[in-house]
Amino acid sequence: MIQSLLEKIIDILKKLIFCYQALIILELKKRRHDRDAMKRLIEIVCEQEGVDKKLGVAVAICESNLNPDAKNVNPDGSVDRGLYQWNNFWHPEVSDEEAFDPEISCRLFCKAVKQGHLSWWKSSRPCWEKYLKEG
C-alpha cells in the first residue's frame, strides 16, 4: 500500500518536473539570440532525452555557435540550417520550421545520437571533441 502510494507520488513529481521544464523551454525559446539561453535549452532537452548534455552543447557550439537561425548555403546549393545545421539535401525529412526551432532541432539531434548517427557531425568532430575535453 505505502509502496504503491510512493510510486504514484514519484510519478506525479516526474510529470510536474517535465511540465516545469517545458515552461522553461518555452521561455528560453523566446531568447533565441541569447547564447546562454540556447545552452540551457540544449541541456534540458538532452537531459530529458537521455543524451549527454555536454555533447549536445559542444556540437551546437561547433555547428552554429549556438545560433538557432544559423544558415549556410553550400557550393552544391544545399542548405545547412539551425543549431545542428540540418542539411536539406541529406535530411529532407527535417523541415525548415523544425531545423530552425531550437527545441525540435535538439530533439532530432538526440534521436540521431541514440540511433548511432553521431557521425553525421563528423566534419565538426575535432571542434566538439576539443570542447568535451576542456569541459
Protein backbone atom coordinates (compact mmCIF):
# COMPACT_ATOMS: atom_id res chain seq x y z
CA MET A 1 0.00 0.00 0.00
CA ILE A 2 2.68 2.50 1.03
CA GLN A 3 4.94 1.37 -1.81
CA SER A 4 2.11 1.93 -4.31
CA LEU A 5 1.39 5.38 -2.88
CA LEU A 6 5.07 6.34 -3.05
CA GLU A 7 5.25 5.20 -6.69
CA LYS A 8 2.23 7.35 -7.53
CA ILE A 9 3.77 10.36 -5.79
CA ILE A 10 7.07 9.85 -7.63
CA ASP A 11 5.20 9.57 -10.94
CA ILE A 12 3.31 12.81 -10.23
CA LEU A 13 6.54 14.59 -9.28
CA LYS A 14 8.22 13.43 -12.50
CA LYS A 15 5.29 14.80 -14.51
CA LEU A 16 5.44 18.10 -12.63
CA ILE A 17 9.18 18.39 -13.31
CA PHE A 18 8.61 17.68 -17.00
CA CYS A 19 5.88 20.37 -17.14
CA TYR A 20 8.13 22.84 -15.35
CA GLN A 21 10.93 22.11 -17.80
CA ALA A 22 8.51 22.58 -20.71
CA LEU A 23 7.67 26.05 -19.38
CA ILE A 24 11.36 26.87 -19.03
CA ILE A 25 12.00 25.71 -22.61
CA LEU A 26 9.18 27.97 -23.87
CA GLU A 27 10.76 30.94 -22.12
CA LEU A 28 14.24 30.07 -23.38
CA LYS A 29 12.97 29.80 -26.96
CA LYS A 30 11.87 33.44 -26.71
CA ARG A 31 15.52 34.33 -26.03
CA ARG A 32 16.84 32.60 -29.17
CA HIS A 33 19.57 35.21 -29.69
CA ASP A 34 20.95 34.65 -26.19
CA ARG A 35 23.69 32.01 -26.28
CA ASP A 36 23.29 31.19 -22.58
CA ALA A 37 19.57 30.61 -23.09
CA MET A 38 20.24 28.26 -26.02
CA LYS A 39 22.86 26.41 -24.00
CA ARG A 40 20.39 25.91 -21.14
CA LEU A 41 17.66 24.80 -23.56
CA ILE A 42 20.00 22.19 -25.05
CA GLU A 43 20.98 20.96 -21.58
CA ILE A 44 17.34 20.49 -20.54
CA VAL A 45 16.33 18.74 -23.77
CA CYS A 46 19.37 16.45 -23.74
CA GLU A 47 18.67 15.55 -20.12
CA GLN A 48 15.05 14.73 -20.97
CA GLU A 49 16.15 12.66 -23.96
CA GLY A 50 18.91 10.79 -22.13
CA VAL A 51 21.77 12.20 -24.18
CA ASP A 52 24.98 13.70 -22.78
CA LYS A 53 24.17 17.40 -22.43
CA LYS A 54 27.83 18.37 -22.77
CA LEU A 55 27.89 16.63 -26.15
CA GLY A 56 24.69 18.38 -27.23
CA VAL A 57 26.07 21.79 -26.32
CA ALA A 58 29.52 21.12 -27.81
CA VAL A 59 28.13 20.02 -31.17
CA ALA A 60 25.78 23.02 -31.33
CA ILE A 61 28.63 25.40 -30.49
CA CYS A 62 30.78 23.93 -33.25
CA GLU A 63 27.99 23.71 -35.82
CA SER A 64 26.19 27.03 -35.29
CA ASN A 65 27.82 28.93 -32.43
CA LEU A 66 24.52 28.29 -30.57
CA ASN A 67 22.60 30.28 -33.17
CA PRO A 68 19.25 28.63 -33.93
CA ASP A 69 18.93 30.88 -37.02
CA ALA A 70 22.28 29.81 -38.49
CA LYS A 71 22.14 29.12 -42.22
CA ASN A 72 24.89 28.07 -44.58
CA VAL A 73 24.45 27.64 -48.33
CA ASN A 74 26.89 25.03 -49.64
CA PRO A 75 28.59 25.12 -53.07
CA ASP A 76 26.25 22.35 -54.26
CA GLY A 77 23.23 24.51 -53.38
CA SER A 78 22.17 22.51 -50.34
CA VAL A 79 21.49 24.44 -47.15
CA ASP A 80 22.61 23.71 -43.57
CA ARG A 81 20.06 25.01 -41.05
CA GLY A 82 19.70 25.72 -37.34
CA LEU A 83 21.60 24.77 -34.20
CA TYR A 84 22.76 21.44 -35.61
CA GLN A 85 23.00 22.55 -39.24
CA TRP A 86 20.48 20.07 -40.64
CA ASN A 87 21.26 19.79 -44.35
CA ASN A 88 18.17 19.99 -46.55
CA PHE A 89 19.60 17.50 -49.11
CA TRP A 90 20.78 14.80 -46.70
CA HIS A 91 17.87 15.33 -44.29
CA PRO A 92 14.81 16.27 -46.36
CA GLU A 93 12.65 14.86 -43.56
CA VAL A 94 13.68 17.86 -41.43
CA SER A 95 11.63 20.87 -42.46
CA ASP A 96 12.91 24.44 -42.21
CA GLU A 97 10.49 25.01 -39.34
CA GLU A 98 11.93 22.05 -37.44
CA ALA A 99 15.55 22.88 -38.27
CA PHE A 100 15.20 26.47 -37.06
CA ASP A 101 13.22 25.56 -33.92
CA PRO A 102 15.90 25.09 -31.22
CA GLU A 103 13.91 22.56 -29.19
CA ILE A 104 12.89 20.39 -32.14
CA SER A 105 16.35 20.61 -33.68
CA CYS A 106 17.88 19.43 -30.41
CA ARG A 107 15.36 16.60 -30.02
CA LEU A 108 16.19 15.46 -33.56
CA PHE A 109 19.89 15.60 -32.69
CA CYS A 110 19.25 13.47 -29.59
CA LYS A 111 17.25 10.95 -31.61
CA ALA A 112 20.07 10.70 -34.16
CA VAL A 113 22.69 10.21 -31.44
CA LYS A 114 20.63 7.49 -29.74
CA GLN A 115 20.29 5.75 -33.10
CA GLY A 116 24.06 5.77 -33.52
CA HIS A 117 24.31 8.59 -36.06
CA LEU A 118 26.78 10.90 -34.32
CA SER A 119 28.92 10.50 -37.46
CA TRP A 120 26.50 12.90 -39.19
CA TRP A 121 28.50 15.65 -37.44
CA LYS A 122 31.93 14.22 -38.31
CA SER A 123 33.11 17.38 -40.08
CA SER A 124 32.93 19.32 -36.82
CA ARG A 125 34.14 16.41 -34.66
CA PRO A 126 37.63 17.84 -33.94
CA CYS A 127 35.96 21.01 -32.68
CA TRP A 128 33.39 19.37 -30.40
CA GLU A 129 35.84 16.77 -29.11
CA LYS A 130 38.05 19.67 -28.04
CA TYR A 131 35.13 21.24 -26.15
CA LEU A 132 34.37 17.95 -24.46
CA LYS A 133 38.00 17.51 -23.33
CA GLU A 134 38.20 21.07 -22.00
CA GLY A 135 34.93 20.51 -20.14
